[in-house]
Amino acid sequence: MSLKLEIITPEKVVFSETVEGVVLPTESGEVGVLPGHIPLLTVVNPGKLQVSHEGNLEDIAVDKGFARVLGDTVSVLTEAAIDIEEIDIEEVEAAQKRAEDALQQARTEKEVDPAEIEKLESIIRFSIAQKLTKQKSI
């Protein structure tokens, strides 16, 4: 038996394949999902999502979101996701630094746009998740 895994961000479908299993980073810890799993709806925390695919383990860094397990389909809706092979640590650190600087600047302004603050915090959060995921896989 197998699972259909879909990882979807607002921009695109990042992953859509048949897999043997998946480990989700959730608020209550890591949750392993195999074929025949009971229905589940859970909050996904930023971190490493691990996929068992064709006998190999593949790591994907995900941002916050939600996961639904229904039948043999696992759907992950997340703000961002990237395969660890595509993570460039120098680029991630530079993006994190730019976002931290912009966040500090935005907080000193008289009129603060809450949407801009959330966007910058999201960039910082996902940068940290990417760095941690990449370091754990090395």
C-alpha atoms as a PDB file:
ATOM      1  CA  MET A   1       0.000   0.000   0.000  1.00  0.00           C
ATOM      2  CA  SER A   2       1.069   3.594  -0.496  1.00  0.00           C
ATOM      3  CA  LEU A   3       0.096   7.175   0.260  1.00  0.00           C
ATOM      4  CA  LYS A   4      -0.535  10.123  -2.011  1.00  0.00           C
ATOM      5  CA  LEU A   5       1.393  13.108  -0.574  1.00  0.00           C
ATOM      6  CA  GLU A   6       0.610  16.644  -1.682  1.00  0.00           C
ATOM      7  CA  ILE A   7       2.537  19.651  -0.369  1.00  0.00           C
ATOM      8  CA  ILE A   8       0.918  22.872  -1.491  1.00  0.00           C
ATOM      9  CA  THR A   9       2.006  26.488  -0.958  1.00  0.00           C
ATOM     10  CA  PRO A  10       0.184  29.642  -2.085  1.00  0.00           C
ATOM     11  CA  GLU A  11       2.538  29.810  -5.076  1.00  0.00           C
ATOM     12  CA  LYS A  12       2.585  26.213  -6.328  1.00  0.00           C
ATOM     13  CA  VAL A  13       2.311  22.493  -5.717  1.00  0.00           C
ATOM     14  CA  VAL A  14       5.753  21.668  -4.302  1.00  0.00           C
ATOM     15  CA  PHE A  15       5.342  17.897  -4.103  1.00  0.00           C
ATOM     16  CA  SER A  16       2.682  15.530  -5.432  1.00  0.00           C
ATOM     17  CA  GLU A  17       3.715  11.891  -5.544  1.00  0.00           C
ATOM     18  CA  THR A  18       3.008   8.438  -4.198  1.00  0.00           C
ATOM     19  CA  VAL A  19       5.103   7.665  -1.098  1.00  0.00           C
ATOM     20  CA  GLU A  20       5.483   4.890   1.468  1.00  0.00           C
ATOM     21  CA  GLY A  21       5.204   7.173   4.503  1.00  0.00           C
ATOM     22  CA  VAL A  22       5.652  10.688   5.857  1.00  0.00           C
ATOM     23  CA  VAL A  23       6.693  12.243   9.171  1.00  0.00           C
ATOM     24  CA  LEU A  24       5.060  15.611   9.888  1.00  0.00           C
ATOM     25  CA  PRO A  25       6.407  18.277  12.292  1.00  0.00           C
ATOM     26  CA  THR A  26       3.306  19.150  14.333  1.00  0.00           C
ATOM     27  CA  GLU A  27       2.486  21.153  17.454  1.00  0.00           C
ATOM     28  CA  SER A  28       2.397  17.934  19.479  1.00  0.00           C
ATOM     29  CA  GLY A  29       5.642  16.529  18.061  1.00  0.00           C
ATOM     30  CA  GLU A  30       6.486  14.446  15.028  1.00  0.00           C
ATOM     31  CA  VAL A  31       3.601  12.413  13.622  1.00  0.00           C
ATOM     32  CA  GLY A  32       4.334   9.433  11.389  1.00  0.00           C
ATOM     33  CA  VAL A  33       1.764   8.589   8.749  1.00  0.00           C
ATOM     34  CA  LEU A  34       1.624   5.236   6.955  1.00  0.00           C
ATOM     35  CA  PRO A  35      -1.050   3.769   4.667  1.00  0.00           C
ATOM     36  CA  GLY A  36      -4.253   3.075   6.586  1.00  0.00           C
ATOM     37  CA  HIS A  37      -3.728   5.922   9.072  1.00  0.00           C
ATOM     38  CA  ILE A  38      -6.831   7.215  10.846  1.00  0.00           C
ATOM     39  CA  PRO A  39      -8.256  10.529   9.610  1.00  0.00           C
ATOM     40  CA  LEU A  40      -6.314  13.454  11.046  1.00  0.00           C
ATOM     41  CA  LEU A  41      -6.288  17.233  10.852  1.00  0.00           C
ATOM     42  CA  THR A  42      -3.311  18.905  12.532  1.00  0.00           C
ATOM     43  CA  VAL A  43      -1.298  22.110  12.660  1.00  0.00           C
ATOM     44  CA  VAL A  44       2.111  21.832  11.009  1.00  0.00           C
ATOM     45  CA  ASN A  45       5.004  23.621  12.703  1.00  0.00           C
ATOM     46  CA  PRO A  46       7.978  25.021  10.794  1.00  0.00           C
ATOM     47  CA  GLY A  47      10.567  22.283  10.469  1.00  0.00           C
ATOM     48  CA  LYS A  48      11.564  19.118   8.655  1.00  0.00           C
ATOM     49  CA  LEU A  49       8.950  17.008   6.893  1.00  0.00           C
ATOM     50  CA  GLN A  50      10.427  13.593   6.102  1.00  0.00           C
ATOM     51  CA  VAL A  51       9.217  11.499   3.173  1.00  0.00           C
ATOM     52  CA  SER A  52       9.877   7.801   2.623  1.00  0.00           C
ATOM     53  CA  HIS A  53       9.912   7.608  -1.157  1.00  0.00           C
ATOM     54  CA  GLU A  54      11.081   4.677  -3.309  1.00  0.00           C
ATOM     55  CA  GLY A  55      13.111   3.260  -0.433  1.00  0.00           C
ATOM     56  CA  ASN A  56      14.877   6.572   0.256  1.00  0.00           C
ATOM     57  CA  LEU A  57      14.292   9.293   2.829  1.00  0.00           C
ATOM     58  CA  GLU A  58      13.774  12.805   1.500  1.00  0.00           C
ATOM     59  CA  ASP A  59      13.681  15.887   3.718  1.00  0.00           C
ATOM     60  CA  ILE A  60      11.593  18.946   2.930  1.00  0.00           C
ATOM     61  CA  ALA A  61      11.701  22.146   4.997  1.00  0.00           C
ATOM     62  CA  VAL A  62       8.184  23.455   5.608  1.00  0.00           C
ATOM     63  CA  ASP A  63       6.788  26.582   7.208  1.00  0.00           C
ATOM     64  CA  LYS A  64       3.674  26.686   9.370  1.00  0.00           C
ATOM     65  CA  GLY A  65       0.467  25.302   7.963  1.00  0.00           C
ATOM     66  CA  PHE A  66      -2.007  22.453   8.220  1.00  0.00           C
ATOM     67  CA  ALA A  67      -2.010  18.771   7.308  1.00  0.00           C
ATOM     68  CA  ARG A  68      -4.963  16.537   6.580  1.00  0.00           C
ATOM     69  CA  VAL A  69      -4.841  12.765   6.407  1.00  0.00           C
ATOM     70  CA  LEU A  70      -7.936  11.289   4.807  1.00  0.00           C
ATOM     71  CA  GLY A  71      -7.934   7.795   3.383  1.00  0.00           C
ATOM     72  CA  ASP A  72      -4.529   7.273   1.831  1.00  0.00           C
ATOM     73  CA  THR A  73      -4.022  10.947   0.971  1.00  0.00           C
ATOM     74  CA  VAL A  74      -1.883  13.340   3.002  1.00  0.00           C
ATOM     75  CA  SER A  75      -2.389  16.997   2.086  1.00  0.00           C
ATOM     76  CA  VAL A  76      -0.054  19.598   3.564  1.00  0.00           C
ATOM     77  CA  LEU A  77      -1.020  23.244   3.092  1.00  0.00           C
ATOM     78  CA  THR A  78       1.913  25.425   4.110  1.00  0.00           C
ATOM     79  CA  GLU A  79       3.112  28.969   3.594  1.00  0.00           C
ATOM     80  CA  ALA A  80       6.424  27.738   2.142  1.00  0.00           C
ATOM     81  CA  ALA A  81       8.280  24.501   1.392  1.00  0.00           C
ATOM     82  CA  ILE A  82      11.626  23.588  -0.163  1.00  0.00           C
ATOM     83  CA  ASP A  83      13.561  20.382  -0.739  1.00  0.00           C
ATOM     84  CA  ILE A  84      16.772  20.393   1.319  1.00  0.00           C
ATOM     85  CA  GLU A  85      18.823  19.819  -1.844  1.00  0.00           C
ATOM     86  CA  GLU A  86      17.708  23.271  -3.039  1.00  0.00           C
ATOM     87  CA  ILE A  87      18.605  25.107   0.189  1.00  0.00           C
ATOM     88  CA  ASP A  88      21.563  27.488  -0.131  1.00  0.00           C
ATOM     89  CA  ILE A  89      22.590  28.308   3.454  1.00  0.00           C
ATOM     90  CA  GLU A  90      24.379  31.546   2.488  1.00  0.00           C
ATOM     91  CA  GLU A  91      21.317  32.769   0.614  1.00  0.00           C
ATOM     92  CA  VAL A  92      19.026  31.781   3.500  1.00  0.00           C
ATOM     93  CA  GLU A  93      21.213  33.591   6.045  1.00  0.00           C
ATOM     94  CA  ALA A  94      21.298  36.713   3.865  1.00  0.00           C
ATOM     95  CA  ALA A  95      17.489  36.679   3.520  1.00  0.00           C
ATOM     96  CA  GLN A  96      17.115  36.193   7.268  1.00  0.00           C
ATOM     97  CA  LYS A  97      19.461  39.112   7.991  1.00  0.00           C
ATOM     98  CA  ARG A  98      17.575  41.393   5.569  1.00  0.00           C
ATOM     99  CA  ALA A  99      14.247  40.427   7.152  1.00  0.00           C
ATOM    100  CA  GLU A 100      15.574  40.950  10.709  1.00  0.00           C
ATOM    101  CA  ASP A 101      16.917  44.388   9.770  1.00  0.00           C
ATOM    102  CA  ALA A 102      13.642  45.350   8.066  1.00  0.00           C
ATOM    103  CA  LEU A 103      11.654  44.071  11.052  1.00  0.00           C
ATOM    104  CA  GLN A 104      13.733  46.119  13.461  1.00  0.00           C
ATOM    105  CA  GLN A 105      13.258  49.199  11.248  1.00  0.00           C
ATOM    106  CA  ALA A 106       9.500  48.598  10.920  1.00  0.00           C
ATOM    107  CA  ARG A 107       9.073  48.354  14.688  1.00  0.00           C
ATOM    108  CA  THR A 108      10.682  51.777  15.170  1.00  0.00           C
ATOM    109  CA  GLU A 109       8.278  53.507  12.778  1.00  0.00           C
ATOM    110  CA  LYS A 110       5.208  55.301  14.123  1.00  0.00           C
ATOM    111  CA  GLU A 111       2.762  53.609  11.783  1.00  0.00           C
ATOM    112  CA  VAL A 112       3.440  49.888  11.757  1.00  0.00           C
ATOM    113  CA  ASP A 113       1.737  47.726   9.134  1.00  0.00           C
ATOM    114  CA  PRO A 114       0.777  44.451  10.876  1.00  0.00           C
ATOM    115  CA  ALA A 115       0.776  42.588   7.551  1.00  0.00           C
ATOM    116  CA  GLU A 116       4.362  43.667   6.863  1.00  0.00           C
ATOM    117  CA  ILE A 117       5.427  42.597  10.360  1.00  0.00           C
ATOM    118  CA  GLU A 118       3.826  39.163   9.833  1.00  0.00           C
ATOM    119  CA  LYS A 119       5.511  38.806   6.426  1.00  0.00           C
ATOM    120  CA  LEU A 120       8.951  39.611   7.863  1.00  0.00           C
ATOM    121  CA  GLU A 121       8.416  37.276  10.830  1.00  0.00           C
ATOM    122  CA  SER A 122       7.391  34.537   8.395  1.00  0.00           C
ATOM    123  CA  ILE A 123      10.598  34.999   6.376  1.00  0.00           C
ATOM    124  CA  ILE A 124      12.680  34.783   9.548  1.00  0.00           C
ATOM    125  CA  ARG A 125      10.785  31.725  10.804  1.00  0.00           C
ATOM    126  CA  PHE A 126      11.136  29.849   7.494  1.00  0.00           C
ATOM    127  CA  SER A 127      14.831  30.797   7.232  1.00  0.00           C
ATOM    128  CA  ILE A 128      15.447  29.231  10.626  1.00  0.00           C
ATOM    129  CA  ALA A 129      13.464  26.114   9.646  1.00  0.00           C
ATOM    130  CA  GLN A 130      15.535  25.752   6.454  1.00  0.00           C
ATOM    131  CA  LYS A 131      18.844  26.100   8.301  1.00  0.00           C
ATOM    132  CA  LEU A 132      17.844  23.583  10.981  1.00  0.00           C
ATOM    133  CA  THR A 133      16.566  21.100   8.394  1.00  0.00           C
ATOM    134  CA  LYS A 134      19.734  21.380   6.317  1.00  0.00           C
ATOM    135  CA  GLN A 135      21.980  20.985   9.392  1.00  0.00           C
ATOM    136  CA  LYS A 136      20.109  17.897  10.609  1.00  0.00           C
ATOM    137  CA  SER A 137      20.505  16.198   7.231  1.00  0.00           C
ATOM    138  CA  ILE A 138      24.274  16.704   7.016  1.00  0.00           C
END
